[in-house]
PDB file of N, CA and C in Angstrom:
ATOM      1  N   MET A   1      10.040  -4.188  10.493  1.00  0.00           N
ATOM      2  CA  MET A   1      11.227  -3.800   9.724  1.00  0.00           C
ATOM      3  C   MET A   1      11.094  -4.340   8.348  1.00  0.00           C
ATOM      4  N   GLN A   2      11.229  -3.456   7.365  1.00  0.00           N
ATOM      5  CA  GLN A   2      11.036  -3.873   5.987  1.00  0.00           C
ATOM      6  C   GLN A   2      12.067  -4.900   5.544  1.00  0.00           C
ATOM      7  N   GLN A   3      13.321  -4.753   5.946  1.00  0.00           N
ATOM      8  CA  GLN A   3      14.329  -5.728   5.492  1.00  0.00           C
ATOM      9  C   GLN A   3      13.971  -7.113   5.992  1.00  0.00           C
ATOM     10  N   ARG A   4      13.441  -7.221   7.234  1.00  0.00           N
ATOM     11  CA  ARG A   4      13.048  -8.559   7.715  1.00  0.00           C
ATOM     12  C   ARG A   4      11.916  -9.177   6.842  1.00  0.00           C
ATOM     13  N   SER A   5      10.946  -8.375   6.508  1.00  0.00           N
ATOM     14  CA  SER A   5       9.893  -8.908   5.670  1.00  0.00           C
ATOM     15  C   SER A   5      10.372  -9.260   4.269  1.00  0.00           C
ATOM     16  N   ASP A   6      11.378  -8.523   3.728  1.00  0.00           N
ATOM     17  CA  ASP A   6      11.909  -8.784   2.460  1.00  0.00           C
ATOM     18  C   ASP A   6      12.699 -10.141   2.511  1.00  0.00           C
ATOM     19  N   ARG A   7      13.483 -10.350   3.585  1.00  0.00           N
ATOM     20  CA  ARG A   7      14.201 -11.606   3.763  1.00  0.00           C
ATOM     21  C   ARG A   7      13.227 -12.765   3.939  1.00  0.00           C
ATOM     22  N   ARG A   8      12.139 -12.537   4.687  1.00  0.00           N
ATOM     23  CA  ARG A   8      11.173 -13.568   4.887  1.00  0.00           C
ATOM     24  C   ARG A   8      10.512 -13.958   3.512  1.00  0.00           C
ATOM     25  N   SER A   9      10.153 -12.968   2.736  1.00  0.00           N
ATOM     26  CA  SER A   9       9.584 -13.192   1.475  1.00  0.00           C
ATOM     27  C   SER A   9      10.510 -13.948   0.543  1.00  0.00           C
ATOM     28  N   LEU A  10      11.800 -13.583   0.559  1.00  0.00           N
ATOM     29  CA  LEU A  10      12.804 -14.323  -0.233  1.00  0.00           C
ATOM     30  C   LEU A  10      12.889 -15.817   0.293  1.00  0.00           C
ATOM     31  N   ALA A  11      12.870 -16.003   1.516  1.00  0.00           N
ATOM     32  CA  ALA A  11      12.901 -17.370   2.074  1.00  0.00           C
ATOM     33  C   ALA A  11      11.680 -18.134   1.638  1.00  0.00           C
ATOM     34  N   LEU A  12      10.483 -17.516   1.718  1.00  0.00           N
ATOM     35  CA  LEU A  12       9.286 -18.164   1.232  1.00  0.00           C
ATOM     36  C   LEU A  12       9.396 -18.567  -0.221  1.00  0.00           C
ATOM     37  N   HIS A  13       9.900 -17.709  -1.027  1.00  0.00           N
ATOM     38  CA  HIS A  13      10.048 -17.969  -2.425  1.00  0.00           C
ATOM     39  C   HIS A  13      11.139 -18.975  -2.785  1.00  0.00           C
ATOM     40  N   ARG A  14      12.122 -19.042  -1.952  1.00  0.00           N
ATOM     41  CA  ARG A  14      13.099 -20.179  -2.087  1.00  0.00           C
ATOM     42  C   ARG A  14      12.412 -21.513  -1.880  1.00  0.00           C
ATOM     43  N   ALA A  15      11.548 -21.593  -0.880  1.00  0.00           N
ATOM     44  CA  ALA A  15      10.811 -22.842  -0.580  1.00  0.00           C
ATOM     45  C   ALA A  15       9.826 -23.094  -1.746  1.00  0.00           C
ATOM     46  N   ILE A  16       9.235 -22.052  -2.253  1.00  0.00           N
ATOM     47  CA  ILE A  16       8.294 -22.230  -3.440  1.00  0.00           C
ATOM     48  C   ILE A  16       9.059 -22.742  -4.589  1.00  0.00           C
ATOM     49  N   VAL A  17      10.269 -22.258  -4.882  1.00  0.00           N
ATOM     50  CA  VAL A  17      11.076 -22.725  -6.029  1.00  0.00           C
ATOM     51  C   VAL A  17      11.415 -24.187  -5.786  1.00  0.00           C
ATOM     52  N   ARG A  18      11.768 -24.610  -4.565  1.00  0.00           N
ATOM     53  CA  ARG A  18      12.030 -26.005  -4.294  1.00  0.00           C
ATOM     54  C   ARG A  18      10.796 -26.865  -4.700  1.00  0.00           C
ATOM     55  N   CYS A  19       9.635 -26.422  -4.241  1.00  0.00           N
ATOM     56  CA  CYS A  19       8.391 -27.198  -4.584  1.00  0.00           C
ATOM     57  C   CYS A  19       8.119 -27.231  -6.077  1.00  0.00           C
ATOM     58  N   LEU A  20       8.322 -26.073  -6.749  1.00  0.00           N
ATOM     59  CA  LEU A  20       8.094 -26.082  -8.199  1.00  0.00           C
ATOM     60  C   LEU A  20       9.043 -26.985  -8.948  1.00  0.00           C
ATOM     61  N   THR A  21      10.275 -27.055  -8.405  1.00  0.00           N
ATOM     62  CA  THR A  21      11.263 -27.956  -9.040  1.00  0.00           C
ATOM     63  C   THR A  21      10.927 -29.406  -8.852  1.00  0.00           C
ATOM     64  N   GLU A  22      10.478 -29.727  -7.622  1.00  0.00           N
ATOM     65  CA  GLU A  22      10.097 -31.108  -7.261  1.00  0.00           C
ATOM     66  C   GLU A  22       8.830 -31.543  -8.001  1.00  0.00           C
ATOM     67  N   ASN A  23       7.883 -30.577  -8.198  1.00  0.00           N
ATOM     68  CA  ASN A  23       6.589 -30.927  -8.739  1.00  0.00           C
ATOM     69  C   ASN A  23       6.182 -29.847  -9.738  1.00  0.00           C
ATOM     70  N   PRO A  24       6.675 -29.984 -10.972  1.00  0.00           N
ATOM     71  CA  PRO A  24       6.407 -28.946 -12.023  1.00  0.00           C
ATOM     72  C   PRO A  24       4.914 -28.729 -12.308  1.00  0.00           C
ATOM     73  N   THR A  25       4.036 -29.605 -11.941  1.00  0.00           N
ATOM     74  CA  THR A  25       2.599 -29.428 -12.171  1.00  0.00           C
ATOM     75  C   THR A  25       2.084 -28.218 -11.360  1.00  0.00           C
ATOM     76  N   LEU A  26       2.851 -27.853 -10.318  1.00  0.00           N
ATOM     77  CA  LEU A  26       2.457 -26.656  -9.457  1.00  0.00           C
ATOM     78  C   LEU A  26       2.613 -25.361 -10.176  1.00  0.00           C
ATOM     79  N   TRP A  27       3.232 -25.306 -11.400  1.00  0.00           N
ATOM     80  CA  TRP A  27       3.315 -24.119 -12.140  1.00  0.00           C
ATOM     81  C   TRP A  27       1.994 -23.581 -12.558  1.00  0.00           C
ATOM     82  N   SER A  28       0.936 -24.369 -12.544  1.00  0.00           N
ATOM     83  CA  SER A  28      -0.380 -23.903 -12.825  1.00  0.00           C
ATOM     84  C   SER A  28      -1.028 -23.106 -11.730  1.00  0.00           C
ATOM     85  N   VAL A  29      -0.531 -23.239 -10.531  1.00  0.00           N
ATOM     86  CA  VAL A  29      -1.146 -22.605  -9.365  1.00  0.00           C
ATOM     87  C   VAL A  29      -1.124 -21.053  -9.452  1.00  0.00           C
ATOM     88  N   PRO A  30      -0.037 -20.381  -9.807  1.00  0.00           N
ATOM     89  CA  PRO A  30      -0.019 -18.922  -9.803  1.00  0.00           C
ATOM     90  C   PRO A  30      -1.048 -18.300 -10.809  1.00  0.00           C
ATOM     91  N   LEU A  31      -1.108 -18.905 -11.953  1.00  0.00           N
ATOM     92  CA  LEU A  31      -2.057 -18.420 -12.949  1.00  0.00           C
ATOM     93  C   LEU A  31      -3.508 -18.607 -12.530  1.00  0.00           C
ATOM     94  N   ALA A  32      -3.767 -19.779 -11.947  1.00  0.00           N
ATOM     95  CA  ALA A  32      -5.117 -20.057 -11.403  1.00  0.00           C
ATOM     96  C   ALA A  32      -5.458 -19.136 -10.290  1.00  0.00           C
ATOM     97  N   ASN A  33      -4.442 -18.804  -9.429  1.00  0.00           N
ATOM     98  CA  ASN A  33      -4.713 -17.819  -8.325  1.00  0.00           C
ATOM     99  C   ASN A  33      -5.077 -16.426  -8.938  1.00  0.00           C
ATOM    100  N   ILE A  34      -4.361 -15.992  -9.935  1.00  0.00           N
ATOM    101  CA  ILE A  34      -4.561 -14.752 -10.542  1.00  0.00           C
ATOM    102  C   ILE A  34      -6.003 -14.673 -11.192  1.00  0.00           C
ATOM    103  N   GLU A  35      -6.375 -15.767 -11.848  1.00  0.00           N
ATOM    104  CA  GLU A  35      -7.680 -15.745 -12.507  1.00  0.00           C
ATOM    105  C   GLU A  35      -8.770 -15.771 -11.416  1.00  0.00           C
ATOM    106  N   ARG A  36      -8.572 -16.462 -10.374  1.00  0.00           N
ATOM    107  CA  ARG A  36      -9.623 -16.506  -9.272  1.00  0.00           C
ATOM    108  C   ARG A  36      -9.727 -15.184  -8.593  1.00  0.00           C
ATOM    109  N   TRP A  37      -8.563 -14.500  -8.348  1.00  0.00           N
ATOM    110  CA  TRP A  37      -8.584 -13.207  -7.689  1.00  0.00           C
ATOM    111  C   TRP A  37      -9.266 -12.170  -8.593  1.00  0.00           C
ATOM    112  N   ALA A  38      -8.966 -12.243  -9.909  1.00  0.00           N
ATOM    113  CA  ALA A  38      -9.545 -11.278 -10.838  1.00  0.00           C
ATOM    114  C   ALA A  38     -11.071 -11.458 -10.918  1.00  0.00           C
ATOM    115  N   ALA A  39     -11.504 -12.737 -10.868  1.00  0.00           N
ATOM    116  CA  ALA A  39     -12.953 -13.065 -10.931  1.00  0.00           C
ATOM    117  C   ALA A  39     -13.639 -12.534  -9.659  1.00  0.00           C
ATOM    118  N   ASN A  40     -12.990 -12.661  -8.557  1.00  0.00           N
ATOM    119  CA  ASN A  40     -13.575 -12.287  -7.287  1.00  0.00           C
ATOM    120  C   ASN A  40     -13.665 -10.744  -7.157  1.00  0.00           C
ATOM    121  N   GLN A  41     -12.693 -10.041  -7.737  1.00  0.00           N
ATOM    122  CA  GLN A  41     -12.604  -8.602  -7.682  1.00  0.00           C
ATOM    123  C   GLN A  41     -13.336  -7.897  -8.807  1.00  0.00           C
ATOM    124  N   GLY A  42     -13.576  -8.658  -9.865  1.00  0.00           N
ATOM    125  CA  GLY A  42     -14.233  -8.107 -11.055  1.00  0.00           C
ATOM    126  C   GLY A  42     -13.221  -7.403 -11.977  1.00  0.00           C
ATOM    127  N   HIS A  43     -11.941  -7.379 -11.584  1.00  0.00           N
ATOM    128  CA  HIS A  43     -10.897  -6.844 -12.418  1.00  0.00           C
ATOM    129  C   HIS A  43      -9.537  -7.366 -11.944  1.00  0.00           C
ATOM    130  N   MET A  44      -8.509  -7.162 -12.632  1.00  0.00           N
ATOM    131  CA  MET A  44      -7.187  -7.626 -12.270  1.00  0.00           C
ATOM    132  C   MET A  44      -6.365  -6.427 -11.787  1.00  0.00           C
ATOM    133  N   ALA A  45      -5.926  -6.483 -10.497  1.00  0.00           N
ATOM    134  CA  ALA A  45      -5.150  -5.430  -9.938  1.00  0.00           C
ATOM    135  C   ALA A  45      -3.786  -5.385 -10.696  1.00  0.00           C
ATOM    136  N   ALA A  46      -3.189  -4.239 -10.734  1.00  0.00           N
ATOM    137  CA  ALA A  46      -1.940  -4.043 -11.528  1.00  0.00           C
ATOM    138  C   ALA A  46      -0.833  -5.090 -11.235  1.00  0.00           C
ATOM    139  N   PRO A  47      -0.513  -5.361  -9.935  1.00  0.00           N
ATOM    140  CA  PRO A  47       0.536  -6.323  -9.683  1.00  0.00           C
ATOM    141  C   PRO A  47       0.247  -7.679 -10.321  1.00  0.00           C
ATOM    142  N   TYR A  48      -0.999  -8.108 -10.331  1.00  0.00           N
ATOM    143  CA  TYR A  48      -1.372  -9.383 -10.830  1.00  0.00           C
ATOM    144  C   TYR A  48      -1.392  -9.397 -12.330  1.00  0.00           C
ATOM    145  N   PHE A  49      -1.648  -8.243 -12.968  1.00  0.00           N
ATOM    146  CA  PHE A  49      -1.543  -8.099 -14.389  1.00  0.00           C
ATOM    147  C   PHE A  49      -0.068  -8.271 -14.800  1.00  0.00           C
ATOM    148  N   ILE A  50       0.833  -7.716 -14.023  1.00  0.00           N
ATOM    149  CA  ILE A  50       2.277  -7.867 -14.286  1.00  0.00           C
ATOM    150  C   ILE A  50       2.700  -9.288 -14.143  1.00  0.00           C
ATOM    151  N   TRP A  51       2.249  -9.955 -13.082  1.00  0.00           N
ATOM    152  CA  TRP A  51       2.558 -11.370 -12.886  1.00  0.00           C
ATOM    153  C   TRP A  51       2.015 -12.234 -14.012  1.00  0.00           C
ATOM    154  N   LYS A  52       0.786 -11.933 -14.379  1.00  0.00           N
ATOM    155  CA  LYS A  52       0.224 -12.757 -15.523  1.00  0.00           C
ATOM    156  C   LYS A  52       1.137 -12.630 -16.772  1.00  0.00           C
ATOM    157  N   GLU A  53       1.559 -11.405 -17.019  1.00  0.00           N
ATOM    158  CA  GLU A  53       2.471 -11.192 -18.203  1.00  0.00           C
ATOM    159  C   GLU A  53       3.773 -12.008 -17.986  1.00  0.00           C
ATOM    160  N   ILE A  54       4.315 -11.922 -16.847  1.00  0.00           N
ATOM    161  CA  ILE A  54       5.593 -12.691 -16.524  1.00  0.00           C
ATOM    162  C   ILE A  54       5.325 -14.149 -16.707  1.00  0.00           C
ATOM    163  N   LEU A  55       4.235 -14.681 -16.141  1.00  0.00           N
ATOM    164  CA  LEU A  55       4.005 -16.134 -16.190  1.00  0.00           C
ATOM    165  C   LEU A  55       3.708 -16.682 -17.550  1.00  0.00           C
ATOM    166  N   THR A  56       3.193 -15.802 -18.429  1.00  0.00           N
ATOM    167  CA  THR A  56       2.832 -16.247 -19.751  1.00  0.00           C
ATOM    168  C   THR A  56       3.900 -15.943 -20.828  1.00  0.00           C
ATOM    169  N   SER A  57       4.910 -15.185 -20.458  1.00  0.00           N
ATOM    170  CA  SER A  57       5.870 -14.732 -21.461  1.00  0.00           C
ATOM    171  C   SER A  57       7.315 -15.211 -21.145  1.00  0.00           C
ATOM    172  N   MET A  58       7.575 -15.543 -19.920  1.00  0.00           N
ATOM    173  CA  MET A  58       8.913 -16.002 -19.563  1.00  0.00           C
ATOM    174  C   MET A  58       9.012 -17.501 -19.318  1.00  0.00           C
ATOM    175  N   SER A  59      10.175 -18.019 -19.448  1.00  0.00           N
ATOM    176  CA  SER A  59      10.413 -19.454 -19.183  1.00  0.00           C
ATOM    177  C   SER A  59      10.371 -19.692 -17.695  1.00  0.00           C
ATOM    178  N   HIS A  60      10.177 -20.910 -17.288  1.00  0.00           N
ATOM    179  CA  HIS A  60      10.239 -21.226 -15.878  1.00  0.00           C
ATOM    180  C   HIS A  60      11.597 -20.852 -15.278  1.00  0.00           C
ATOM    181  N   GLU A  61      12.643 -21.106 -15.998  1.00  0.00           N
ATOM    182  CA  GLU A  61      14.012 -20.819 -15.557  1.00  0.00           C
ATOM    183  C   GLU A  61      14.137 -19.310 -15.290  1.00  0.00           C
ATOM    184  N   GLU A  62      13.581 -18.471 -16.196  1.00  0.00           N
ATOM    185  CA  GLU A  62      13.664 -17.016 -16.070  1.00  0.00           C
ATOM    186  C   GLU A  62      12.863 -16.562 -14.844  1.00  0.00           C
ATOM    187  N   ILE A  63      11.702 -17.175 -14.627  1.00  0.00           N
ATOM    188  CA  ILE A  63      10.827 -16.856 -13.455  1.00  0.00           C
ATOM    189  C   ILE A  63      11.531 -17.236 -12.173  1.00  0.00           C
ATOM    190  N   VAL A  64      12.149 -18.405 -12.152  1.00  0.00           N
ATOM    191  CA  VAL A  64      12.920 -18.841 -10.978  1.00  0.00           C
ATOM    192  C   VAL A  64      13.995 -17.815 -10.639  1.00  0.00           C
ATOM    193  N   LYS A  65      14.716 -17.379 -11.646  1.00  0.00           N
ATOM    194  CA  LYS A  65      15.793 -16.346 -11.392  1.00  0.00           C
ATOM    195  C   LYS A  65      15.166 -15.092 -10.828  1.00  0.00           C
ATOM    196  N   LEU A  66      14.010 -14.716 -11.305  1.00  0.00           N
ATOM    197  CA  LEU A  66      13.321 -13.478 -10.821  1.00  0.00           C
ATOM    198  C   LEU A  66      12.812 -13.747  -9.376  1.00  0.00           C
ATOM    199  N   LEU A  67      12.295 -14.888  -9.071  1.00  0.00           N
ATOM    200  CA  LEU A  67      11.806 -15.169  -7.742  1.00  0.00           C
ATOM    201  C   LEU A  67      12.933 -15.105  -6.695  1.00  0.00           C
ATOM    202  N   LEU A  68      14.143 -15.473  -7.104  1.00  0.00           N
ATOM    203  CA  LEU A  68      15.274 -15.569  -6.165  1.00  0.00           C
ATOM    204  C   LEU A  68      16.163 -14.384  -6.237  1.00  0.00           C
ATOM    205  N   SER A  69      15.922 -13.420  -7.103  1.00  0.00           N
ATOM    206  CA  SER A  69      16.725 -12.279  -7.205  1.00  0.00           C
ATOM    207  C   SER A  69      16.543 -11.295  -6.042  1.00  0.00           C
ATOM    208  N   ARG A  70      17.660 -10.572  -5.745  1.00  0.00           N
ATOM    209  CA  ARG A  70      17.580  -9.624  -4.670  1.00  0.00           C
ATOM    210  C   ARG A  70      17.416  -8.191  -5.216  1.00  0.00           C
ATOM    211  N   SER A  71      17.040  -8.134  -6.523  1.00  0.00           N
ATOM    212  CA  SER A  71      16.843  -6.804  -7.115  1.00  0.00           C
ATOM    213  C   SER A  71      15.575  -6.127  -6.485  1.00  0.00           C
ATOM    214  N   GLN A  72      15.544  -4.826  -6.666  1.00  0.00           N
ATOM    215  CA  GLN A  72      14.391  -4.068  -6.162  1.00  0.00           C
ATOM    216  C   GLN A  72      13.063  -4.493  -6.841  1.00  0.00           C
ATOM    217  N   ARG A  73      13.189  -4.756  -8.156  1.00  0.00           N
ATOM    218  CA  ARG A  73      11.985  -5.212  -8.922  1.00  0.00           C
ATOM    219  C   ARG A  73      11.501  -6.551  -8.377  1.00  0.00           C
ATOM    220  N   ALA A  74      12.400  -7.504  -8.184  1.00  0.00           N
ATOM    221  CA  ALA A  74      12.018  -8.781  -7.647  1.00  0.00           C
ATOM    222  C   ALA A  74      11.456  -8.729  -6.259  1.00  0.00           C
ATOM    223  N   THR A  75      12.025  -7.823  -5.443  1.00  0.00           N
ATOM    224  CA  THR A  75      11.470  -7.644  -4.066  1.00  0.00           C
ATOM    225  C   THR A  75      10.007  -7.102  -4.145  1.00  0.00           C
ATOM    226  N   GLN A  76       9.835  -6.147  -5.057  1.00  0.00           N
ATOM    227  CA  GLN A  76       8.491  -5.615  -5.174  1.00  0.00           C
ATOM    228  C   GLN A  76       7.471  -6.652  -5.697  1.00  0.00           C
ATOM    229  N   LEU A  77       7.907  -7.461  -6.670  1.00  0.00           N
ATOM    230  CA  LEU A  77       7.007  -8.441  -7.221  1.00  0.00           C
ATOM    231  C   LEU A  77       6.692  -9.532  -6.196  1.00  0.00           C
ATOM    232  N   ARG A  78       7.654  -9.885  -5.375  1.00  0.00           N
ATOM    233  CA  ARG A  78       7.408 -10.907  -4.348  1.00  0.00           C
ATOM    234  C   ARG A  78       6.323 -10.421  -3.356  1.00  0.00           C
ATOM    235  N   SER A  79       6.258  -9.086  -3.172  1.00  0.00           N
ATOM    236  CA  SER A  79       5.267  -8.557  -2.207  1.00  0.00           C
ATOM    237  C   SER A  79       3.833  -8.753  -2.687  1.00  0.00           C
ATOM    238  N   SER A  80       3.627  -9.062  -3.941  1.00  0.00           N
ATOM    239  CA  SER A  80       2.301  -9.380  -4.465  1.00  0.00           C
ATOM    240  C   SER A  80       2.308 -10.726  -5.202  1.00  0.00           C
ATOM    241  N   SER A  81       2.924 -11.657  -4.649  1.00  0.00           N
ATOM    242  CA  SER A  81       3.175 -12.977  -5.278  1.00  0.00           C
ATOM    243  C   SER A  81       1.848 -13.743  -5.473  1.00  0.00           C
ATOM    244  N   PRO A  82       1.696 -14.305  -6.657  1.00  0.00           N
ATOM    245  CA  PRO A  82       0.576 -15.213  -6.873  1.00  0.00           C
ATOM    246  C   PRO A  82       0.830 -16.668  -6.593  1.00  0.00           C
ATOM    247  N   PHE A  83       1.978 -16.961  -5.911  1.00  0.00           N
ATOM    248  CA  PHE A  83       2.413 -18.334  -5.698  1.00  0.00           C
ATOM    249  C   PHE A  83       1.833 -18.916  -4.377  1.00  0.00           C
ATOM    250  N   THR A  84       0.827 -18.299  -3.858  1.00  0.00           N
ATOM    251  CA  THR A  84       0.120 -18.780  -2.709  1.00  0.00           C
ATOM    252  C   THR A  84      -0.403 -20.173  -2.901  1.00  0.00           C
ATOM    253  N   GLY A  85      -0.232 -21.050  -1.897  1.00  0.00           N
ATOM    254  CA  GLY A  85      -0.723 -22.413  -1.920  1.00  0.00           C
ATOM    255  C   GLY A  85       0.280 -23.426  -2.464  1.00  0.00           C
ATOM    256  N   ILE A  86       1.466 -22.999  -2.767  1.00  0.00           N
ATOM    257  CA  ILE A  86       2.427 -24.009  -3.251  1.00  0.00           C
ATOM    258  C   ILE A  86       3.210 -24.662  -2.149  1.00  0.00           C
ATOM    259  N   ILE A  87       3.592 -23.919  -1.130  1.00  0.00           N
ATOM    260  CA  ILE A  87       4.175 -24.615   0.046  1.00  0.00           C
ATOM    261  C   ILE A  87       3.190 -24.927   1.085  1.00  0.00           C
ATOM    262  N   SER A  88       3.512 -25.866   1.949  1.00  0.00           N
ATOM    263  CA  SER A  88       2.565 -26.300   2.974  1.00  0.00           C
ATOM    264  C   SER A  88       2.386 -25.185   4.013  1.00  0.00           C
ATOM    265  N   GLN A  89       1.302 -25.213   4.664  1.00  0.00           N
ATOM    266  CA  GLN A  89       1.055 -24.227   5.781  1.00  0.00           C
ATOM    267  C   GLN A  89       2.167 -24.383   6.821  1.00  0.00           C
ATOM    268  N   GLY A  90       2.536 -25.679   7.135  1.00  0.00           N
ATOM    269  CA  GLY A  90       3.588 -25.856   8.108  1.00  0.00           C
ATOM    270  C   GLY A  90       4.912 -25.232   7.774  1.00  0.00           C
ATOM    271  N   GLU A  91       5.272 -25.416   6.457  1.00  0.00           N
ATOM    272  CA  GLU A  91       6.541 -24.814   5.997  1.00  0.00           C
ATOM    273  C   GLU A  91       6.436 -23.295   6.131  1.00  0.00           C
ATOM    274  N   ARG A  92       5.319 -22.736   5.654  1.00  0.00           N
ATOM    275  CA  ARG A  92       5.057 -21.285   5.688  1.00  0.00           C
ATOM    276  C   ARG A  92       5.185 -20.782   7.153  1.00  0.00           C
ATOM    277  N   ASP A  93       4.551 -21.462   8.035  1.00  0.00           N
ATOM    278  CA  ASP A  93       4.610 -21.121   9.452  1.00  0.00           C
ATOM    279  C   ASP A  93       6.028 -21.169  10.040  1.00  0.00           C
ATOM    280  N   ARG A  94       6.820 -22.142   9.641  1.00  0.00           N
ATOM    281  CA  ARG A  94       8.201 -22.229  10.121  1.00  0.00           C
ATOM    282  C   ARG A  94       9.005 -21.035   9.636  1.00  0.00           C
ATOM    283  N   ILE A  95       8.814 -20.659   8.334  1.00  0.00           N
ATOM    284  CA  ILE A  95       9.528 -19.535   7.811  1.00  0.00           C
ATOM    285  C   ILE A  95       9.138 -18.205   8.527  1.00  0.00           C
ATOM    286  N   PHE A  96       7.852 -18.054   8.755  1.00  0.00           N
ATOM    287  CA  PHE A  96       7.345 -16.854   9.417  1.00  0.00           C
ATOM    288  C   PHE A  96       7.900 -16.842  10.868  1.00  0.00           C
ATOM    289  N   GLN A  97       7.934 -17.964  11.495  1.00  0.00           N
ATOM    290  CA  GLN A  97       8.484 -17.990  12.880  1.00  0.00           C
ATOM    291  C   GLN A  97       9.928 -17.637  12.927  1.00  0.00           C
ATOM    292  N   LYS A  98      10.683 -18.078  11.908  1.00  0.00           N
ATOM    293  CA  LYS A  98      12.137 -17.806  11.826  1.00  0.00           C
ATOM    294  C   LYS A  98      12.352 -16.245  11.745  1.00  0.00           C
ATOM    295  N   TYR A  99      11.425 -15.581  11.052  1.00  0.00           N
ATOM    296  CA  TYR A  99      11.660 -14.105  10.837  1.00  0.00           C
ATOM    297  C   TYR A  99      10.744 -13.242  11.731  1.00  0.00           C
ATOM    298  N   GLN A 100      10.150 -13.862  12.778  1.00  0.00           N
ATOM    299  CA  GLN A 100       9.378 -13.105  13.741  1.00  0.00           C
ATOM    300  C   GLN A 100      10.208 -12.060  14.469  1.00  0.00           C
ATOM    301  N   LYS A 101       9.611 -11.023  14.895  1.00  0.00           N
ATOM    302  CA  LYS A 101      10.301 -10.024  15.742  1.00  0.00           C
ATOM    303  C   LYS A 101      10.687 -10.694  17.051  1.00  0.00           C
ATOM    304  N   GLY A 102      11.900 -10.473  17.520  1.00  0.00           N
ATOM    305  CA  GLY A 102      12.373 -11.130  18.662  1.00  0.00           C
ATOM    306  C   GLY A 102      12.362 -10.252  19.852  1.00  0.00           C
TER     307      GLY A 102
END
């Protein structure tokens, strides 16, 4: 169900925002992910180009608002999030388990 995956993605990004707030050095992770993915693919896929633009042109506060927004644009952006590796695997697993089909 799409709504379940959207809610799970929002929950994941809430956890990501908590980590970014607690440890601002983690803001380097999404750009590093984008650069690594682009190098591995030989090009930058459109969603990651958009994320790179967001990460290099918006303030952290604006990005946080976007990550937590329930807008259609934010939901679409979260589906190709470069924030992989910010939360622990255990926290990620707990969130996935919470939103598992029952």
